[in-house]
Protein backbone atom coordinates (compact mmCIF):
# COMPACT_ATOMS: atom_id res chain seq x y z
CA MET A 1 36.72 7.04 25.12
CA THR A 2 39.20 4.63 25.41
CA THR A 3 39.81 1.36 24.03
CA SER A 4 39.17 -0.60 27.36
CA GLU A 5 36.21 1.93 28.02
CA ALA A 6 34.63 0.55 24.40
CA ALA A 7 35.06 -3.01 25.58
CA ALA A 8 33.80 -2.61 28.99
CA ARG A 9 30.40 -1.37 27.33
CA VAL A 10 30.13 -3.73 24.24
CA GLY A 11 30.92 -6.57 26.88
CA THR A 12 32.81 -10.13 26.67
CA PRO A 13 31.38 -12.31 23.56
CA ALA A 14 29.91 -14.60 26.20
CA THR A 15 27.56 -11.68 27.77
CA HIS A 16 26.89 -10.62 24.02
CA ARG A 17 25.46 -13.90 23.40
CA ARG A 18 23.15 -14.34 26.55
CA SER A 19 22.20 -10.84 25.66
CA MET A 20 21.01 -11.87 22.47
CA LEU A 21 19.64 -15.17 23.38
CA PHE A 22 17.33 -13.30 26.31
CA ASN A 23 16.18 -10.27 24.51
CA LEU A 24 12.56 -9.22 24.29
CA PRO A 25 11.92 -10.80 20.98
CA ASN A 26 13.30 -13.85 21.60
CA LEU A 27 11.61 -14.36 24.83
CA LEU A 28 8.25 -13.98 23.06
CA THR A 29 9.04 -16.47 20.85
CA LEU A 30 10.40 -18.93 23.55
CA ALA A 31 7.16 -18.30 26.16
CA ARG A 32 5.44 -19.15 22.48
CA ILE A 33 6.50 -22.71 22.84
CA ALA A 34 6.01 -22.78 26.67
CA ALA A 35 2.51 -22.25 26.01
CA ILE A 36 1.98 -25.31 23.89
CA PRO A 37 1.72 -27.80 26.68
CA LEU A 38 -0.51 -25.61 29.19
CA VAL A 39 -3.05 -25.27 26.21
CA VAL A 40 -2.55 -28.75 25.71
CA ALA A 41 -3.08 -29.54 29.37
CA SER A 42 -6.65 -28.10 29.08
CA PHE A 43 -7.94 -30.15 26.31
CA TRP A 44 -7.98 -32.81 29.53
CA LEU A 45 -9.56 -30.99 31.87
CA ASP A 46 -13.38 -31.67 32.07
CA ARG A 47 -14.45 -28.10 32.75
CA GLY A 48 -16.09 -25.63 30.75
CA TRP A 49 -13.53 -22.86 31.49
CA ALA A 50 -10.80 -25.12 30.44
CA GLN A 51 -11.66 -24.50 26.89
CA TRP A 52 -11.69 -20.50 26.79
CA THR A 53 -8.36 -20.87 29.19
CA ALA A 54 -6.81 -22.98 25.68
CA ALA A 55 -8.36 -19.98 23.59
CA VAL A 56 -6.98 -17.06 25.52
CA LEU A 57 -3.74 -18.64 25.99
CA PHE A 58 -3.32 -19.52 22.11
CA PHE A 59 -4.51 -16.00 21.70
CA ILE A 60 -1.64 -14.58 23.69
CA ALA A 61 0.71 -17.28 21.85
CA SER A 62 -0.96 -16.14 18.38
CA VAL A 63 -0.51 -12.18 19.16
CA THR A 64 3.41 -13.11 20.66
CA ASP A 65 3.89 -13.97 16.76
CA TYR A 66 3.75 -10.35 15.22
CA PHE A 67 5.43 -8.55 17.87
CA ASP A 68 8.29 -10.49 18.28
CA GLY A 69 9.00 -9.64 14.63
CA TRP A 70 8.22 -6.08 15.12
CA LEU A 71 10.17 -5.58 18.37
CA ALA A 72 13.40 -7.17 16.59
CA ARG A 73 12.69 -5.20 13.68
CA ARG A 74 12.46 -1.55 15.70
CA TRP A 75 14.84 -2.24 18.43
CA GLN A 76 17.70 -3.91 15.55
CA GLN A 77 17.52 -6.83 17.16
CA VAL A 78 17.19 -9.60 14.69
CA SER A 79 19.45 -12.69 15.55
CA ARG A 80 19.85 -16.26 13.60
CA LEU A 81 18.26 -17.54 16.72
CA GLY A 82 15.09 -15.33 16.44
CA ARG A 83 14.75 -16.54 12.89
CA PHE A 84 15.32 -19.95 13.97
CA LEU A 85 12.90 -20.22 16.26
CA ASP A 86 9.97 -17.96 14.98
CA PRO A 87 8.61 -20.52 12.37
CA ILE A 88 9.32 -23.33 14.09
CA ALA A 89 7.10 -21.96 17.09
CA ASP A 90 4.04 -21.27 14.49
CA LYS A 91 4.78 -24.91 13.69
CA LEU A 92 4.75 -26.45 16.43
CA LEU A 93 1.37 -24.54 18.29
CA VAL A 94 -0.72 -24.69 15.18
CA ALA A 95 0.01 -28.47 14.47
CA SER A 96 -0.72 -29.41 18.11
CA VAL A 97 -3.75 -28.10 18.47
CA LEU A 98 -4.48 -29.61 15.22
CA LEU A 99 -3.79 -32.48 16.23
CA LEU A 100 -5.25 -32.25 19.51
CA LEU A 101 -8.87 -30.82 17.97
CA CYS A 102 -8.77 -33.73 15.93
CA ALA A 103 -8.14 -36.38 18.40
CA PHE A 104 -11.20 -34.84 20.46
CA GLU A 105 -13.15 -35.09 17.65
CA THR A 106 -14.19 -31.16 17.42
CA LEU A 107 -12.76 -31.16 13.66
CA ARG A 108 -14.26 -34.75 12.28
CA GLY A 109 -15.48 -35.89 9.34
CA VAL A 110 -14.59 -33.58 6.31
CA HIS A 111 -13.83 -30.74 8.69
CA VAL A 112 -10.84 -33.06 9.04
CA ILE A 113 -9.61 -32.10 5.64
CA PRO A 114 -8.58 -28.35 5.85
CA ALA A 115 -6.39 -29.41 8.63
CA LEU A 116 -4.33 -32.03 6.58
CA ILE A 117 -4.18 -29.50 3.60
CA ILE A 118 -2.57 -26.99 7.20
CA LEU A 119 -0.04 -29.96 7.89
CA CYS A 120 0.97 -30.93 4.69
CA ARG A 121 1.28 -27.43 3.54
CA GLU A 122 3.57 -26.70 6.43
CA ILE A 123 5.79 -29.54 5.37
CA LEU A 124 6.05 -29.19 1.83
CA VAL A 125 6.84 -24.93 2.80
CA SER A 126 9.83 -26.01 5.64
CA GLY A 127 11.21 -28.80 2.75
CA LEU A 128 11.59 -25.84 0.45
CA ARG A 129 13.28 -23.22 2.26
CA GLU A 130 15.54 -25.62 3.58
CA PHE A 131 16.23 -26.94 0.14
CA LEU A 132 16.72 -22.83 -0.96
CA ALA A 133 18.70 -22.46 1.86
CA GLU A 134 21.51 -24.33 0.46
CA LEU A 135 21.34 -22.44 -3.04
CA ARG A 136 21.53 -19.14 -0.72
CA VAL A 137 17.89 -18.43 -2.27
CA SER A 138 15.26 -16.81 0.15
CA LEU A 139 11.60 -17.29 0.07
CA PRO A 140 10.20 -14.28 1.61
CA VAL A 141 6.88 -14.43 3.48
CA SER A 142 4.03 -12.86 0.81
CA ASN A 143 0.97 -10.82 1.77
CA ALA A 144 -1.02 -13.91 1.30
CA ALA A 145 0.20 -16.05 3.77
CA LYS A 146 0.38 -13.30 6.31
CA TRP A 147 -3.43 -13.12 5.67
CA LYS A 148 -3.45 -16.44 5.95
CA THR A 149 -1.89 -17.10 9.44
CA ALA A 150 -4.05 -14.81 10.57
CA ILE A 151 -6.99 -16.09 9.42
CA GLN A 152 -5.54 -19.88 10.51
CA MET A 153 -5.01 -18.39 14.26
CA ALA A 154 -8.49 -16.76 14.39
CA ALA A 155 -9.69 -19.96 13.46
CA LEU A 156 -7.92 -22.44 15.64
CA CYS A 157 -9.04 -19.55 18.44
CA VAL A 158 -12.43 -20.23 17.97
CA LEU A 159 -12.49 -23.92 17.84
CA LEU A 160 -10.53 -23.63 20.84
CA VAL A 161 -13.94 -22.68 22.75
CA GLY A 162 -15.93 -24.84 20.89
CA ASN A 163 -18.96 -26.06 22.14
CA ALA A 164 -18.15 -23.73 25.83
CA GLY A 165 -19.56 -20.71 23.73
CA PRO A 166 -22.90 -20.57 21.85
CA ASP A 167 -23.95 -22.36 18.67
CA TRP A 168 -22.89 -20.05 16.17
CA VAL A 169 -18.80 -20.17 17.38
CA MET A 170 -18.33 -23.83 15.99
CA LEU A 171 -20.00 -22.84 12.45
CA LEU A 172 -17.92 -19.77 12.63
CA GLY A 173 -14.60 -21.50 13.41
CA LEU A 174 -14.85 -24.51 10.98
CA ALA A 175 -15.75 -21.29 7.86
CA LEU A 176 -12.60 -19.41 9.22
CA LEU A 177 -11.07 -23.12 8.98
CA TRP A 178 -11.74 -23.70 5.47
CA PHE A 179 -11.11 -20.28 4.52
CA ALA A 180 -7.38 -20.58 5.63
CA ALA A 181 -7.01 -23.58 3.89
CA ALA A 182 -8.19 -22.31 0.96
CA LEU A 183 -5.18 -19.73 1.16
CA THR A 184 -3.20 -22.16 2.21
CA LEU A 185 -3.45 -23.77 -0.81
CA TRP A 186 -2.90 -20.69 -2.87
CA THR A 187 -0.16 -19.92 -0.98
CA GLY A 188 1.83 -23.41 -0.90
CA TYR A 189 1.39 -23.40 -4.14
CA ASP A 190 3.27 -20.07 -4.76
CA TYR A 191 6.16 -21.11 -2.86
CA LEU A 192 5.92 -24.41 -4.86
CA ARG A 193 6.07 -22.08 -8.34
CA THR A 194 8.74 -19.96 -6.84
CA GLY A 195 11.00 -23.15 -5.43
CA LEU A 196 10.51 -25.10 -8.71
CA LYS A 197 12.10 -22.42 -11.13
CA HIS A 198 15.63 -23.15 -9.30
CA MET A 199 14.98 -26.97 -9.10
CA LEU A 200 14.31 -27.17 -13.17
CA ASP A 201 17.17 -24.39 -13.69
CA ASP A 202 19.78 -26.81 -12.05
CA PRO A 203 22.72 -26.87 -14.27
CA ALA A 204 24.03 -29.97 -12.55
CA ALA A 205 20.94 -31.54 -14.34
CA VAL A 206 22.75 -30.90 -17.35
CA PRO A 207 25.25 -32.96 -18.66
CA PRO A 208 28.53 -31.22 -19.66
CA PRO A 209 29.29 -31.41 -23.15
CA ARG A 210 31.74 -33.91 -24.26
CA PRO A 211 35.40 -31.93 -24.74
CA ALA A 212 36.46 -32.31 -28.73
CA SER A 213 38.74 -35.42 -30.09
CA PRO A 214 42.19 -33.74 -30.35
CA PRO A 215 43.08 -34.02 -34.06
CA ARG A 216 44.63 -37.34 -35.28
CA SER A 217 47.95 -36.95 -37.07
CA GLU A 218 49.65 -38.89 -39.68
CA ASP A 219 51.08 -41.82 -37.67
CA ASP A 220 47.93 -42.29 -35.70
CA LYS A 221 46.15 -42.65 -39.11
CA ARG A 222 48.21 -45.77 -40.13
CA PRO A 223 47.03 -49.32 -38.76
CA ALA A 224 48.23 -51.42 -36.12
CA ASP A 225 50.89 -53.30 -37.85
CA GLY A 226 52.55 -50.51 -39.29
CA ARG A 227 51.81 -51.18 -42.95
CA ALA A 228 50.01 -48.12 -45.31
CA SER A 229 46.73 -48.58 -46.20
């Protein structure tokens, strides 16, 4: 293969960038963001099927959270854009649904607490990742965090159905949400402990030792008026 043929196969840099932007894993992540206004709009539809529609849309969007990463690794299409968008899409989707469930009083009273725990944890972890990124330290996702995400998504999906389903649906959704909040506290503490190790080991927090004073000569030991002591 000649150099020109190889260049034609690879394409121009602009073509390569477009192919990375519009590959299937990134499109799935973007679809998860695009589903947010559809889920939000369903809250204002005064129909029983609207709650089921919101739940189905949320479920499909949640499933893409698994497949976009799996396909990107399998097809070797992991990109900076994908690593940037994937956690943001999850947080936008979860935060939007939690806020709307509270606003429409699906979550009220003491059941607002797990929603607060989940939102505060997401802010904490985002701040930790930003801080550790400056130190070039990665914060890998633990297995417990993956379980937390799965249970959290299941809880929100069930709560979106709400009173449009049988009576036990709300009880199941609330139980799953509290369980997800407990895992959220556990994984959040684990991430915070990792971040604190790097914060407390900060060399900039320890003042450098003062340099030793050079030895004084005999002339320096004389008084300022030049007379011998």
